[in-house]
Every structure is written in structure tokens, then in C-alpha cells.
N, C-alpha and C. Protein backbone atom coordinates (compact mmCIF):
# COMPACT_ATOMS: atom_id res chain seq x y z
N MET A 1 -30.27 30.66 185.97
CA MET A 1 -29.09 31.07 185.38
C MET A 1 -29.45 32.08 184.27
N ARG A 2 -28.47 33.11 184.23
CA ARG A 2 -28.48 34.12 183.31
C ARG A 2 -27.56 33.92 182.16
N ASP A 3 -28.09 34.41 181.10
CA ASP A 3 -27.39 34.21 179.84
C ASP A 3 -26.78 35.57 179.65
N GLU A 4 -25.53 35.82 179.82
CA GLU A 4 -24.80 37.11 179.66
C GLU A 4 -23.95 37.31 178.35
N GLN A 5 -24.06 38.48 177.75
CA GLN A 5 -23.48 38.68 176.49
C GLN A 5 -21.80 39.14 176.87
N PHE A 6 -20.95 38.54 176.03
CA PHE A 6 -19.59 38.96 176.12
C PHE A 6 -19.40 40.28 175.76
N ASP A 7 -18.57 41.08 176.16
CA ASP A 7 -18.17 42.48 175.64
C ASP A 7 -17.45 42.33 174.32
N VAL A 8 -16.63 41.41 174.17
CA VAL A 8 -15.82 41.01 173.06
C VAL A 8 -16.02 39.60 172.67
N PRO A 9 -16.47 39.30 171.49
CA PRO A 9 -16.56 37.89 171.05
C PRO A 9 -15.31 37.13 170.82
N VAL A 10 -15.41 35.95 171.15
CA VAL A 10 -14.16 34.89 170.95
C VAL A 10 -14.47 34.02 169.86
N THR A 11 -13.61 34.07 168.90
CA THR A 11 -13.71 33.14 167.71
C THR A 11 -12.94 31.83 167.76
N ILE A 12 -13.44 30.82 167.69
CA ILE A 12 -12.73 29.49 167.80
C ILE A 12 -12.93 28.63 166.66
N GLU A 13 -12.21 27.59 166.33
CA GLU A 13 -12.44 26.70 165.46
C GLU A 13 -13.59 25.79 165.68
N SER A 14 -14.60 25.58 164.64
CA SER A 14 -15.74 24.94 165.01
C SER A 14 -15.25 23.32 164.62
N GLU A 15 -16.61 22.51 164.94
CA GLU A 15 -16.41 21.09 164.53
C GLU A 15 -16.19 21.00 162.92
N ARG A 16 -16.64 21.83 162.30
CA ARG A 16 -16.49 21.67 160.72
C ARG A 16 -15.36 22.61 160.35
N ILE A 17 -14.50 21.96 159.84
CA ILE A 17 -13.08 22.41 159.41
C ILE A 17 -13.41 23.64 158.49
N GLY A 18 -12.61 24.59 158.71
CA GLY A 18 -12.61 26.00 157.90
C GLY A 18 -13.91 26.77 158.29
N ARG A 19 -14.57 26.36 159.36
CA ARG A 19 -15.70 27.31 159.68
C ARG A 19 -15.58 27.78 161.05
N PRO A 20 -15.01 29.01 161.13
CA PRO A 20 -14.84 29.48 162.60
C PRO A 20 -16.28 29.79 163.29
N LEU A 21 -16.27 29.71 164.60
CA LEU A 21 -17.31 30.00 165.43
C LEU A 21 -17.32 31.19 166.30
N SER A 22 -18.29 32.05 166.27
CA SER A 22 -18.00 33.28 167.18
C SER A 22 -18.81 33.09 168.25
N VAL A 23 -18.28 32.95 169.41
CA VAL A 23 -18.79 32.83 170.72
C VAL A 23 -19.01 34.14 171.52
N THR A 24 -20.33 34.32 171.73
CA THR A 24 -20.62 35.88 172.22
C THR A 24 -21.52 35.83 173.61
N ARG A 25 -21.89 34.54 174.10
CA ARG A 25 -22.67 34.55 175.15
C ARG A 25 -22.33 33.45 176.19
N THR A 26 -22.74 33.52 177.54
CA THR A 26 -22.19 32.69 178.41
C THR A 26 -22.80 31.06 178.27
N VAL A 27 -23.91 31.27 178.00
CA VAL A 27 -24.72 29.79 177.79
C VAL A 27 -24.23 29.14 176.49
N GLN A 28 -23.78 29.81 175.41
CA GLN A 28 -23.19 29.19 174.29
C GLN A 28 -21.77 28.79 174.64
N ALA A 29 -21.10 29.64 175.42
CA ALA A 29 -19.70 29.03 175.71
C ALA A 29 -19.89 27.74 176.67
N ALA A 30 -20.78 27.79 177.63
CA ALA A 30 -20.91 26.68 178.43
C ALA A 30 -21.18 25.42 177.84
N SER A 31 -22.13 25.68 176.74
CA SER A 31 -22.57 24.53 176.05
C SER A 31 -21.52 23.83 175.09
N LEU A 32 -20.81 24.86 174.66
CA LEU A 32 -19.45 24.32 173.87
C LEU A 32 -18.53 23.54 174.66
N LEU A 33 -18.29 24.08 175.98
CA LEU A 33 -17.37 23.42 176.93
C LEU A 33 -17.94 22.09 177.23
N VAL A 34 -19.15 21.84 177.76
CA VAL A 34 -19.82 20.72 178.19
C VAL A 34 -19.99 19.72 176.97
N ASP A 35 -20.46 20.17 175.87
CA ASP A 35 -21.09 19.20 174.72
C ASP A 35 -20.11 19.13 173.60
N LYS A 36 -19.29 19.99 173.10
CA LYS A 36 -18.51 19.94 171.97
C LYS A 36 -17.05 20.01 172.11
N TRP A 37 -16.51 20.19 173.38
CA TRP A 37 -15.07 20.41 173.57
C TRP A 37 -14.46 19.03 173.42
N PRO A 38 -13.41 18.81 172.48
CA PRO A 38 -12.82 17.54 172.34
C PRO A 38 -12.40 16.82 173.76
N ASP A 39 -12.47 15.75 174.07
CA ASP A 39 -12.14 15.13 175.40
C ASP A 39 -10.66 15.23 175.74
N GLU A 40 -9.92 15.02 174.59
CA GLU A 40 -8.41 15.21 174.74
C GLU A 40 -7.82 16.55 174.91
N LYS A 41 -8.73 17.51 174.93
CA LYS A 41 -8.06 18.85 174.98
C LYS A 41 -8.85 19.53 176.35
N ARG A 42 -9.28 18.74 177.23
CA ARG A 42 -9.84 19.09 178.47
C ARG A 42 -8.74 19.22 179.67
N GLY A 43 -8.02 20.36 179.53
CA GLY A 43 -6.89 20.29 180.40
C GLY A 43 -7.17 21.18 181.70
N PRO A 44 -6.18 21.86 182.29
CA PRO A 44 -6.48 22.69 183.39
C PRO A 44 -7.34 23.89 183.21
N LYS A 45 -6.90 24.47 182.00
CA LYS A 45 -7.83 25.88 181.71
C LYS A 45 -9.17 25.56 181.18
N TYR A 46 -9.41 24.30 180.73
CA TYR A 46 -10.70 23.80 180.35
C TYR A 46 -11.48 23.71 181.64
N ARG A 47 -11.09 23.25 182.71
CA ARG A 47 -11.70 23.14 184.03
C ARG A 47 -11.95 24.43 184.50
N ALA A 48 -10.99 25.29 184.54
CA ALA A 48 -11.11 26.61 185.16
C ALA A 48 -12.27 27.38 184.33
N ALA A 49 -12.26 27.29 182.91
CA ALA A 49 -13.13 27.96 182.11
C ALA A 49 -14.72 27.37 182.37
N LEU A 50 -14.72 26.11 182.58
CA LEU A 50 -16.04 25.58 182.60
C LEU A 50 -16.57 26.26 184.09
N LYS A 51 -15.77 26.14 185.14
CA LYS A 51 -16.35 26.76 186.50
C LYS A 51 -16.55 28.28 186.28
N ALA A 52 -15.71 28.96 185.74
CA ALA A 52 -15.93 30.43 185.49
C ALA A 52 -17.20 30.58 184.89
N MET A 53 -17.47 29.90 183.73
CA MET A 53 -18.76 30.09 183.03
C MET A 53 -19.98 29.90 183.95
N MET A 54 -19.87 28.90 184.48
CA MET A 54 -21.02 28.41 185.53
C MET A 54 -21.11 29.68 186.66
N ASP A 55 -20.09 30.05 187.13
CA ASP A 55 -20.11 31.17 188.14
C ASP A 55 -20.65 32.46 187.49
N ALA A 56 -20.41 32.72 186.19
CA ALA A 56 -20.83 33.91 185.80
C ALA A 56 -22.37 33.85 185.41
N MET A 57 -22.85 32.66 185.09
CA MET A 57 -24.20 32.47 184.81
C MET A 57 -25.03 32.56 186.18
N GLU A 58 -24.49 32.19 187.20
CA GLU A 58 -25.05 32.23 188.49
C GLU A 58 -24.68 33.61 189.25
N GLN A 59 -24.11 34.70 188.65
CA GLN A 59 -23.64 35.92 189.00
C GLN A 59 -22.87 35.98 190.08
N ARG A 60 -21.91 35.00 190.24
CA ARG A 60 -20.98 34.82 191.10
C ARG A 60 -19.55 35.24 190.66
N ARG A 61 -19.52 35.64 189.40
CA ARG A 61 -18.19 36.01 188.83
C ARG A 61 -18.42 36.87 187.56
N ALA A 62 -17.75 37.96 187.27
CA ALA A 62 -17.90 38.83 186.30
C ALA A 62 -17.85 38.16 184.78
N VAL A 63 -18.63 38.57 183.98
CA VAL A 63 -18.91 37.86 182.62
C VAL A 63 -17.36 38.14 182.02
N GLY A 64 -16.71 39.22 182.05
CA GLY A 64 -15.36 39.57 181.24
C GLY A 64 -14.37 38.50 181.90
N SER A 65 -14.33 38.14 183.10
CA SER A 65 -13.58 37.25 183.75
C SER A 65 -13.75 35.76 183.14
N ALA A 66 -14.99 35.60 183.00
CA ALA A 66 -15.41 34.13 182.32
C ALA A 66 -14.98 33.95 181.05
N ARG A 67 -15.26 35.13 180.27
CA ARG A 67 -14.78 35.16 178.79
C ARG A 67 -13.19 34.98 178.68
N ARG A 68 -12.58 35.65 179.52
CA ARG A 68 -11.09 35.49 179.55
C ARG A 68 -10.58 34.00 179.92
N ALA A 69 -11.30 33.49 180.75
CA ALA A 69 -11.01 32.08 181.17
C ALA A 69 -11.33 31.19 179.82
N PHE A 70 -12.44 31.43 179.28
CA PHE A 70 -12.78 30.56 178.03
C PHE A 70 -11.72 30.75 176.90
N THR A 71 -11.38 31.98 176.75
CA THR A 71 -10.15 32.19 175.84
C THR A 71 -8.94 31.50 176.10
N ALA A 72 -8.62 31.45 177.39
CA ALA A 72 -7.32 30.58 177.87
C ALA A 72 -7.54 29.26 177.48
N ALA A 73 -8.80 28.73 177.72
CA ALA A 73 -9.00 27.31 177.49
C ALA A 73 -8.94 27.18 175.91
N ALA A 74 -9.48 28.10 175.16
CA ALA A 74 -9.42 27.72 173.70
C ALA A 74 -7.76 27.76 173.28
N LYS A 75 -7.09 28.71 173.67
CA LYS A 75 -5.63 28.76 173.52
C LYS A 75 -4.97 27.46 173.90
N GLU A 76 -5.30 26.90 175.15
CA GLU A 76 -4.78 25.81 175.46
C GLU A 76 -5.00 24.49 174.70
N ALA A 77 -6.22 24.58 174.06
CA ALA A 77 -6.73 23.40 173.17
C ALA A 77 -6.31 23.63 171.86
N HIS A 78 -5.71 24.66 171.52
CA HIS A 78 -5.41 25.07 170.12
C HIS A 78 -6.62 25.25 169.18
N LEU A 79 -7.67 25.82 169.84
CA LEU A 79 -8.87 26.24 169.11
C LEU A 79 -9.06 27.60 168.85
N PHE A 80 -8.38 28.23 169.67
CA PHE A 80 -8.44 29.96 169.69
C PHE A 80 -8.12 30.42 168.10
N VAL A 81 -9.04 31.32 167.71
CA VAL A 81 -8.69 32.03 166.45
C VAL A 81 -8.51 33.46 166.69
N ARG A 82 -9.38 34.05 167.30
CA ARG A 82 -9.07 35.50 167.69
C ARG A 82 -10.33 36.04 168.60
N GLU A 83 -10.00 37.30 169.14
CA GLU A 83 -11.03 37.95 169.77
C GLU A 83 -11.39 39.25 169.20
N GLY A 84 -12.53 39.64 169.29
CA GLY A 84 -13.33 40.82 168.63
C GLY A 84 -13.87 40.44 167.35
N ARG A 85 -14.41 41.31 166.77
CA ARG A 85 -15.19 40.99 165.37
C ARG A 85 -14.27 41.51 164.34
N HIS A 86 -14.19 40.64 163.51
CA HIS A 86 -13.27 40.82 162.13
C HIS A 86 -14.15 40.28 161.00
């Protein structure tokens, strides 16, 4: 599996309140989805993002597409803060 860099970082709320987390790579995003995503916030976009991230790491999907799926999951879970570097 390959760890690919996102062209645009995605910032989400972290476990620690008030501490945003910048997600910049596929392995980091996949790890967050599997290990840290709140169980009650694992909706349809979460499942799509998890599949997209795995596909990107196995080079079956473009990294940008996986990043967009991760962003959609973060928005669905109300964890999304912003895209890009700020």
C-alpha cells in the first residue's frame, strides 16, 4: 500500500477539543477513519471515504478523489473545519 500526499490538506476537529488536526496523507486519513472516527458518526459517506482511501492506497483510485470522499465524510460527521493551509 502506498501513502500518498493530498494536494490540499483537510482540517478536522481532533479528539482534543479546540485542537484542529490537519490531514495530509492517505494513511493518516485511513487510520483516523478506522481507529478514531466516532462510532455514531459512521454514516454512508464514512463508508464511501473508507473504501476510497483503501482504493487510493492500492492505486485503484486517484488521491484527489479519496480526499474529496474524506472531506464529505468529515462534513457528514460535523468534524470538518476547512480545506487548505490556513
